[in-house]
C-alpha atoms as a PDB file:
ATOM      1  CA  MET A   1      17.359 -10.072  -6.121  1.00  0.00           C
ATOM      2  CA  LEU A   2      16.134  -8.633  -9.440  1.00  0.00           C
ATOM      3  CA  LEU A   3      16.541  -4.683 -10.252  1.00  0.00           C
ATOM      4  CA  PHE A   4      13.407  -3.910 -13.650  1.00  0.00           C
ATOM      5  CA  VAL A   5      15.412  -1.032 -15.365  1.00  0.00           C
ATOM      6  CA  HIS A   6      12.696   0.537 -16.685  1.00  0.00           C
ATOM      7  CA  SER A   7      12.343   2.533 -20.407  1.00  0.00           C
ATOM      8  CA  GLU A   8       9.586   5.151 -18.932  1.00  0.00           C
ATOM      9  CA  LYS A   9      11.009   6.982 -16.356  1.00  0.00           C
ATOM     10  CA  VAL A  10       8.041   6.930 -13.723  1.00  0.00           C
ATOM     11  CA  PRO A  11       7.439   4.529 -10.456  1.00  0.00           C
ATOM     12  CA  VAL A  12       6.695   1.010 -11.117  1.00  0.00           C
ATOM     13  CA  ARG A  13       4.449  -0.367  -8.738  1.00  0.00           C
ATOM     14  CA  SER A  14       2.850  -3.726  -8.052  1.00  0.00           C
ATOM     15  CA  GLN A  15       0.358  -5.055  -4.656  1.00  0.00           C
ATOM     16  CA  LYS A  16       1.301  -8.768  -5.842  1.00  0.00           C
ATOM     17  CA  TYR A  17       5.216  -8.402  -5.022  1.00  0.00           C
ATOM     18  CA  PRO A  18       6.962  -6.007  -2.341  1.00  0.00           C
ATOM     19  CA  HIS A  19       9.789  -4.259  -4.143  1.00  0.00           C
ATOM     20  CA  LEU A  20      11.778  -0.722  -3.628  1.00  0.00           C
ATOM     21  CA  ASN A  21      12.158   1.547  -6.233  1.00  0.00           C
ATOM     22  CA  MET A  22      16.070   2.245  -6.135  1.00  0.00           C
ATOM     23  CA  SER A  23      15.348   5.351  -8.775  1.00  0.00           C
ATOM     24  CA  ARG A  24      12.791   6.489 -11.030  1.00  0.00           C
ATOM     25  CA  SER A  25      13.661   3.830 -13.662  1.00  0.00           C
ATOM     26  CA  THR A  26      15.020   1.017 -11.506  1.00  0.00           C
ATOM     27  CA  THR A  27      12.865  -1.216  -9.526  1.00  0.00           C
ATOM     28  CA  ALA A  28      13.949  -3.802  -6.863  1.00  0.00           C
ATOM     29  CA  PHE A  29      11.948  -7.317  -6.808  1.00  0.00           C
ATOM     30  CA  PRO A  30      12.402 -10.346  -5.811  1.00  0.00           C
ATOM     31  CA  ILE A  31      13.079 -13.508  -7.771  1.00  0.00           C
ATOM     32  CA  SER A  32       9.379 -14.322  -7.429  1.00  0.00           C
ATOM     33  CA  ALA A  33       8.827 -11.755  -9.374  1.00  0.00           C
ATOM     34  CA  ALA A  34      10.263 -13.042 -12.936  1.00  0.00           C
ATOM     35  CA  GLY A  35       7.263 -14.168 -14.619  1.00  0.00           C
ATOM     36  CA  TYR A  36       6.032 -10.783 -13.574  1.00  0.00           C
ATOM     37  CA  LEU A  37       7.998  -8.386 -14.853  1.00  0.00           C
ATOM     38  CA  GLU A  38       8.770 -10.344 -17.865  1.00  0.00           C
ATOM     39  CA  ARG A  39       4.783 -10.083 -18.613  1.00  0.00           C
ATOM     40  CA  LEU A  40       5.346  -6.126 -18.105  1.00  0.00           C
ATOM     41  CA  GLY A  41       7.509  -5.679 -21.431  1.00  0.00           C
ATOM     42  CA  ASN A  42       8.792  -2.356 -21.305  1.00  0.00           C
ATOM     43  CA  GLY A  43      11.956  -2.326 -19.722  1.00  0.00           C
ATOM     44  CA  ARG A  44      14.934  -5.277 -19.387  1.00  0.00           C
ATOM     45  CA  VAL A  45      15.406  -7.157 -16.039  1.00  0.00           C
ATOM     46  CA  VAL A  46      19.064  -7.684 -14.424  1.00  0.00           C
ATOM     47  CA  LYS A  47      19.870  -9.826 -11.717  1.00  0.00           C
ATOM     48  CA  ALA A  48      21.282  -8.784  -8.771  1.00  0.00           C
ATOM     49  CA  ASP A  49      22.418  -8.927  -4.605  1.00  0.00           C
ATOM     50  CA  LEU A  50      21.178  -6.592  -1.945  1.00  0.00           C
ATOM     51  CA  ASP A  51      22.719  -7.520   1.335  1.00  0.00           C
ATOM     52  CA  GLU A  52      20.295  -8.282   3.873  1.00  0.00           C
ATOM     53  CA  LYS A  53      19.780  -4.157   6.044  1.00  0.00           C
ATOM     54  CA  GLU A  54      19.385  -3.373   2.350  1.00  0.00           C
ATOM     55  CA  LEU A  55      16.388  -6.265   2.091  1.00  0.00           C
ATOM     56  CA  ARG A  56      14.979  -5.290   5.326  1.00  0.00           C
ATOM     57  CA  GLU A  57      15.139  -2.168   5.153  1.00  0.00           C
ATOM     58  CA  ALA A  58      12.533  -2.647   2.018  1.00  0.00           C
ATOM     59  CA  ASP A  59      10.636  -5.274   3.523  1.00  0.00           C
ATOM     60  CA  GLU A  60       9.791  -2.129   6.418  1.00  0.00           C
ATOM     61  CA  ARG A  61       9.309   0.181   3.754  1.00  0.00           C
ATOM     62  CA  TRP A  62       6.669  -1.857   2.107  1.00  0.00           C
ATOM     63  CA  LEU A  63       4.678  -2.325   4.876  1.00  0.00           C
ATOM     64  CA  LYS A  64       4.923   1.171   6.077  1.00  0.00           C
ATOM     65  CA  GLY A  65       3.450   2.051   2.845  1.00  0.00           C
ATOM     66  CA  ARG A  66       0.105  -0.373   2.711  1.00  0.00           C
ATOM     67  CA  VAL A  67      -2.701   1.301   3.739  1.00  0.00           C
ATOM     68  CA  LEU A  68      -5.231  -0.307   6.509  1.00  0.00           C
ATOM     69  CA  PHE A  69      -9.068   0.258   7.137  1.00  0.00           C
ATOM     70  CA  VAL A  70     -10.617  -0.020  10.190  1.00  0.00           C
ATOM     71  CA  PRO A  71     -14.943  -0.241  10.680  1.00  0.00           C
ATOM     72  CA  LEU A  72     -15.717   0.811  13.876  1.00  0.00           C
ATOM     73  CA  ALA A  73     -18.820   1.391  15.333  1.00  0.00           C
ATOM     74  CA  GLY A  74     -20.235   1.992  11.781  1.00  0.00           C
ATOM     75  CA  GLU A  75     -18.001   4.118  10.661  1.00  0.00           C
ATOM     76  CA  LEU A  76     -14.879   3.601   8.481  1.00  0.00           C
ATOM     77  CA  TYR A  77     -11.408   4.768   9.310  1.00  0.00           C
ATOM     78  CA  SER A  78      -7.855   4.194   7.546  1.00  0.00           C
ATOM     79  CA  THR A  79      -4.572   4.261   8.740  1.00  0.00           C
ATOM     80  CA  ARG A  80      -0.803   3.736   7.598  1.00  0.00           C
ATOM     81  CA  PHE A  81      -0.311  -0.381   8.769  1.00  0.00           C
ATOM     82  CA  SER A  82       2.931   0.724  10.741  1.00  0.00           C
ATOM     83  CA  GLU A  83       0.399   3.473  12.419  1.00  0.00           C
ATOM     84  CA  GLU A  84      -1.974   0.862  13.602  1.00  0.00           C
ATOM     85  CA  VAL A  85       0.629  -1.415  14.867  1.00  0.00           C
ATOM     86  CA  GLU A  86       2.405   0.963  17.092  1.00  0.00           C
ATOM     87  CA  SER A  87      -0.594   2.807  18.177  1.00  0.00           C
ATOM     88  CA  LEU A  88      -2.293  -1.142  19.637  1.00  0.00           C
ATOM     89  CA  VAL A  89       1.759  -1.640  20.929  1.00  0.00           C
ATOM     90  CA  ARG A  90       0.692   1.792  22.793  1.00  0.00           C
ATOM     91  CA  TRP A  91      -2.545   1.255  23.893  1.00  0.00           C
ATOM     92  CA  ALA A  92      -1.950  -2.581  25.720  1.00  0.00           C
ATOM     93  CA  GLU A  93       1.271  -1.484  27.438  1.00  0.00           C
ATOM     94  CA  ASN A  94      -0.508   1.382  29.275  1.00  0.00           C
ATOM     95  CA  GLY A  95      -4.095  -0.440  29.518  1.00  0.00           C
ATOM     96  CA  VAL A  96      -7.178  -1.092  28.218  1.00  0.00           C
ATOM     97  CA  SER A  97      -9.893  -0.453  29.926  1.00  0.00           C
ATOM     98  CA  GLU A  98     -13.349  -2.537  30.148  1.00  0.00           C
ATOM     99  CA  SER A  99     -15.258  -0.143  27.890  1.00  0.00           C
ATOM    100  CA  GLU A 100     -11.920  -0.023  25.058  1.00  0.00           C
ATOM    101  CA  THR A 101     -12.356  -4.158  25.303  1.00  0.00           C
ATOM    102  CA  GLY A 102     -14.755  -4.388  22.204  1.00  0.00           C
ATOM    103  CA  GLU A 103     -13.041  -1.247  20.021  1.00  0.00           C
ATOM    104  CA  TYR A 104      -9.989  -3.005  20.971  1.00  0.00           C
ATOM    105  CA  SER A 105     -10.608  -6.296  20.071  1.00  0.00           C
ATOM    106  CA  ARG A 106     -11.807  -5.600  16.279  1.00  0.00           C
ATOM    107  CA  ARG A 107      -9.119  -3.435  15.653  1.00  0.00           C
ATOM    108  CA  LEU A 108      -6.241  -6.259  16.899  1.00  0.00           C
ATOM    109  CA  ASP A 109      -8.292  -9.106  15.051  1.00  0.00           C
ATOM    110  CA  ARG A 110      -8.540  -6.609  11.711  1.00  0.00           C
ATOM    111  CA  LEU A 111      -4.797  -5.876  12.060  1.00  0.00           C
ATOM    112  CA  ARG A 112      -4.261  -9.906  12.443  1.00  0.00           C
ATOM    113  CA  LYS A 113      -5.890 -10.697   9.368  1.00  0.00           C
ATOM    114  CA  GLU A 114      -4.151  -7.870   7.544  1.00  0.00           C
ATOM    115  CA  ALA A 115      -0.019  -9.365   8.732  1.00  0.00           C
ATOM    116  CA  GLU A 116      -1.225 -12.609   7.567  1.00  0.00           C
ATOM    117  CA  ALA A 117      -1.892 -11.958   4.417  1.00  0.00           C
ATOM    118  CA  PHE A 118       0.835  -9.162   4.020  1.00  0.00           C
ATOM    119  CA  ARG A 119       3.403 -12.202   5.317  1.00  0.00           C
ATOM    120  CA  GLU A 120       3.615 -13.846   1.656  1.00  0.00           C
ATOM    121  CA  ARG A 121       4.455 -10.695   0.276  1.00  0.00           C
ATOM    122  CA  LEU A 122       7.723  -9.904   2.221  1.00  0.00           C
ATOM    123  CA  PHE A 123      11.183 -10.636   1.160  1.00  0.00           C
ATOM    124  CA  GLN A 124      13.016 -12.055   3.906  1.00  0.00           C
ATOM    125  CA  ALA A 125      11.165 -14.795   6.659  1.00  0.00           C
ATOM    126  CA  GLY A 126      12.748 -12.497   9.001  1.00  0.00           C
ATOM    127  CA  SER A 127      10.046  -9.651   8.461  1.00  0.00           C
ATOM    128  CA  ALA A 128       7.424 -12.307   9.368  1.00  0.00           C
ATOM    129  CA  GLU A 129       8.736 -13.751  12.414  1.00  0.00           C
ATOM    130  CA  ARG A 130       9.276  -9.942  13.877  1.00  0.00           C
ATOM    131  CA  LEU A 131       5.511  -9.438  12.618  1.00  0.00           C
ATOM    132  CA  VAL A 132       4.449 -12.477  14.715  1.00  0.00           C
ATOM    133  CA  LYS A 133       6.251 -11.338  17.689  1.00  0.00           C
ATOM    134  CA  ILE A 134       5.304  -8.146  17.237  1.00  0.00           C
ATOM    135  CA  ILE A 135       1.244  -8.938  16.918  1.00  0.00           C
ATOM    136  CA  GLY A 136       1.419 -12.048  19.347  1.00  0.00           C
ATOM    137  CA  PRO A 137       1.568 -10.433  22.808  1.00  0.00           C
ATOM    138  CA  LEU A 138      -1.327  -7.663  21.585  1.00  0.00           C
ATOM    139  CA  ALA A 139      -3.948 -10.569  22.641  1.00  0.00           C
ATOM    140  CA  GLU A 140      -3.337 -10.153  26.127  1.00  0.00           C
ATOM    141  CA  PRO A 141      -2.889  -6.496  26.936  1.00  0.00           C
ATOM    142  CA  LYS A 142      -3.105  -5.310  30.764  1.00  0.00           C
ATOM    143  CA  SER A 143      -6.252  -4.080  31.720  1.00  0.00           C
ATOM    144  CA  SER A 144      -6.852  -0.288  33.251  1.00  0.00           C
ATOM    145  CA  ASP A 145      -9.352   1.194  35.263  1.00  0.00           C
ATOM    146  CA  GLY A 146      -9.469   4.316  33.084  1.00  0.00           C
ATOM    147  CA  ASP A 147      -9.730   5.153  28.744  1.00  0.00           C
ATOM    148  CA  PHE A 148      -6.554   5.590  26.867  1.00  0.00           C
ATOM    149  CA  PRO A 149      -6.778   8.496  25.816  1.00  0.00           C
ATOM    150  CA  ASP A 150      -4.719   7.813  22.541  1.00  0.00           C
ATOM    151  CA  ALA A 151      -6.573   4.901  21.516  1.00  0.00           C
ATOM    152  CA  ARG A 152      -8.205   6.508  18.039  1.00  0.00           C
ATOM    153  CA  SER A 153      -5.086   9.264  17.861  1.00  0.00           C
ATOM    154  CA  ASN A 154      -3.455   7.245  14.335  1.00  0.00           C
ATOM    155  CA  LEU A 155      -7.225   6.695  12.687  1.00  0.00           C
ATOM    156  CA  LYS A 156      -8.338   9.030   9.806  1.00  0.00           C
ATOM    157  CA  ARG A 157     -12.663   9.284   9.259  1.00  0.00           C
ATOM    158  CA  VAL A 158     -13.164   8.056   5.579  1.00  0.00           C
ATOM    159  CA  THR A 159     -15.790  10.297   4.650  1.00  0.00           C
ATOM    160  CA  SER A 160     -16.177   8.698   1.528  1.00  0.00           C
ATOM    161  CA  PRO A 161     -15.895   4.711   1.519  1.00  0.00           C
ATOM    162  CA  GLU A 162     -16.761   4.608  -2.982  1.00  0.00           C
ATOM    163  CA  GLN A 163     -14.176   6.766  -3.520  1.00  0.00           C
ATOM    164  CA  GLU A 164     -11.205   5.334  -1.368  1.00  0.00           C
ATOM    165  CA  MET A 165     -12.276   2.225  -2.800  1.00  0.00           C
ATOM    166  CA  PHE A 166     -11.670   3.667  -6.049  1.00  0.00           C
ATOM    167  CA  LYS A 167      -8.179   5.056  -4.930  1.00  0.00           C
ATOM    168  CA  ALA A 168      -7.435   1.346  -3.984  1.00  0.00           C
ATOM    169  CA  LYS A 169      -8.504   0.186  -7.546  1.00  0.00           C
ATOM    170  CA  VAL A 170      -6.571   2.890  -9.314  1.00  0.00           C
ATOM    171  CA  THR A 171      -3.925   2.007  -7.121  1.00  0.00           C
ATOM    172  CA  ASP A 172      -3.919  -1.711  -7.788  1.00  0.00           C
ATOM    173  CA  ALA A 173      -4.422  -1.084 -11.522  1.00  0.00           C
ATOM    174  CA  LEU A 174      -1.411   1.368 -12.001  1.00  0.00           C
ATOM    175  CA  ILE A 175       1.613  -1.209 -12.319  1.00  0.00           C
ATOM    176  CA  ARG A 176       2.439   0.667 -15.751  1.00  0.00           C
ATOM    177  CA  PRO A 177       1.141   4.327 -17.015  1.00  0.00           C
ATOM    178  CA  MET A 178      -1.771   3.772 -18.597  1.00  0.00           C
ATOM    179  CA  ASP A 179      -4.069   6.929 -19.674  1.00  0.00           C
ATOM    180  CA  VAL A 180      -7.856   6.906 -19.201  1.00  0.00           C
ATOM    181  CA  GLY A 181      -9.028   4.554 -21.604  1.00  0.00           C
ATOM    182  CA  GLU A 182      -7.199   1.451 -20.615  1.00  0.00           C
ATOM    183  CA  LEU A 183      -7.969   2.892 -16.978  1.00  0.00           C
ATOM    184  CA  ALA A 184     -11.714   2.982 -18.177  1.00  0.00           C
ATOM    185  CA  ARG A 185     -11.649  -0.191 -19.454  1.00  0.00           C
ATOM    186  CA  GLU A 186      -9.267  -2.169 -16.235  1.00  0.00           C
ATOM    187  CA  LEU A 187     -12.064  -0.743 -13.762  1.00  0.00           C
ATOM    188  CA  ARG A 188     -15.105  -1.028 -16.036  1.00  0.00           C
ATOM    189  CA  MET A 189     -16.128   2.446 -16.049  1.00  0.00           C
ATOM    190  CA  GLU A 190     -17.242   5.642 -18.453  1.00  0.00           C
ATOM    191  CA  LYS A 191     -14.406   7.147 -19.985  1.00  0.00           C
ATOM    192  CA  SER A 192     -16.208  10.662 -18.666  1.00  0.00           C
ATOM    193  CA  ASN A 193     -16.148   9.361 -15.371  1.00  0.00           C
ATOM    194  CA  MET A 194     -12.382   8.561 -15.305  1.00  0.00           C
ATOM    195  CA  ARG A 195     -11.033  11.045 -16.739  1.00  0.00           C
ATOM    196  CA  LYS A 196     -13.228  13.737 -14.048  1.00  0.00           C
ATOM    197  CA  ARG A 197     -11.841  11.149 -11.396  1.00  0.00           C
ATOM    198  CA  MET A 198      -8.488  10.805 -12.146  1.00  0.00           C
ATOM    199  CA  GLY A 199      -8.595  14.665 -12.373  1.00  0.00           C
ATOM    200  CA  LEU A 200      -9.235  14.795  -8.785  1.00  0.00           C
ATOM    201  CA  LEU A 201      -6.684  12.104  -7.989  1.00  0.00           C
ATOM    202  CA  THR A 202      -4.121  14.156  -9.747  1.00  0.00           C
ATOM    203  CA  ARG A 203      -5.330  17.202  -7.926  1.00  0.00           C
ATOM    204  CA  SER A 204      -4.733  15.623  -4.065  1.00  0.00           C
ATOM    205  CA  GLY A 205      -1.265  13.840  -5.693  1.00  0.00           C
ATOM    206  CA  LEU A 206      -2.016  10.344  -5.842  1.00  0.00           C
ATOM    207  CA  VAL A 207      -1.362  10.577  -9.345  1.00  0.00           C
ATOM    208  CA  LYS A 208       0.560  12.040 -11.821  1.00  0.00           C
ATOM    209  CA  SER A 209       0.171  12.432 -15.670  1.00  0.00           C
ATOM    210  CA  THR A 210       2.505  13.217 -18.588  1.00  0.00           C
ATOM    211  CA  THR A 211       1.938  13.807 -22.284  1.00  0.00           C
ATOM    212  CA  GLN A 212       3.014  11.560 -24.811  1.00  0.00           C
ATOM    213  CA  ARG A 213       3.188  12.389 -27.934  1.00  0.00           C
ATOM    214  CA  LEU A 214       2.609   9.659 -31.212  1.00  0.00           C
ATOM    215  CA  PRO A 215       3.895   9.507 -34.325  1.00  0.00           C
ATOM    216  CA  VAL A 216       0.575   9.784 -35.558  1.00  0.00           C
ATOM    217  CA  GLY A 217      -2.859  11.111 -34.013  1.00  0.00           C
ATOM    218  CA  ARG A 218      -3.139  13.409 -30.488  1.00  0.00           C
ATOM    219  CA  PRO A 219      -1.297  13.395 -27.696  1.00  0.00           C
ATOM    220  CA  ARG A 220      -1.504  10.607 -25.325  1.00  0.00           C
ATOM    221  CA  ILE A 221      -2.052  11.813 -21.347  1.00  0.00           C
ATOM    222  CA  VAL A 222      -0.570   8.290 -19.073  1.00  0.00           C
ATOM    223  CA  TYR A 223      -1.030   8.347 -15.857  1.00  0.00           C
ATOM    224  CA  PHE A 224       1.300   7.037 -13.428  1.00  0.00           C
ATOM    225  CA  LEU A 225       1.274   6.536  -9.273  1.00  0.00           C
ATOM    226  CA  SER A 226       3.630   9.684  -7.265  1.00  0.00           C
ATOM    227  CA  HIS A 227       5.939   8.510  -4.612  1.00  0.00           C
ATOM    228  CA  ASP A 228       3.959  10.146  -2.328  1.00  0.00           C
ATOM    229  CA  ILE A 229       1.917   6.772  -1.344  1.00  0.00           C
END
């Protein structure tokens, strides 16, 4: 296990490697992230030992934070990965009616694809095995004569797929603090449009900003992801 101690007291994010924010200046990464951390260049890497319980909790925390997009009947819904797992487990145990089969199958198929992608990003092989054990039995749910009332309870309708895609791109890009110009280049957008959208994300709580004073020139406003994602 690697501890990345970074100079700027903002959380480090990575979509490629699972990680656990130990504090605002220290983040835990697996050994495989060594090259990635060296390229960041704004901190130092320290080797450390974490026990099995801490690793397991890190895996579960990472999984619970992943957003899952589920298309249903021409509409797009979003949910946290762990919430969708729990919802389908309850649904399978209570039974799936004939009228619900199509919706259940679509959601299970999306869940399987996401789980397969996640397996390579987990710290422990045991976490991947638990995913397989949980999702496996969902392929043969009980049959039911009536609809399951909580089938959609955890899904949130996405009113603007474009805005959700923008949020996902910003989350991927902000592995380190960036200003409007850097984000605009990364996402290939106009700076004025980027500044407006980042203002909306700041008010929503997804990102935060801070002002960095430079030796020469105007202060630099940089954005970073909040802990509430």
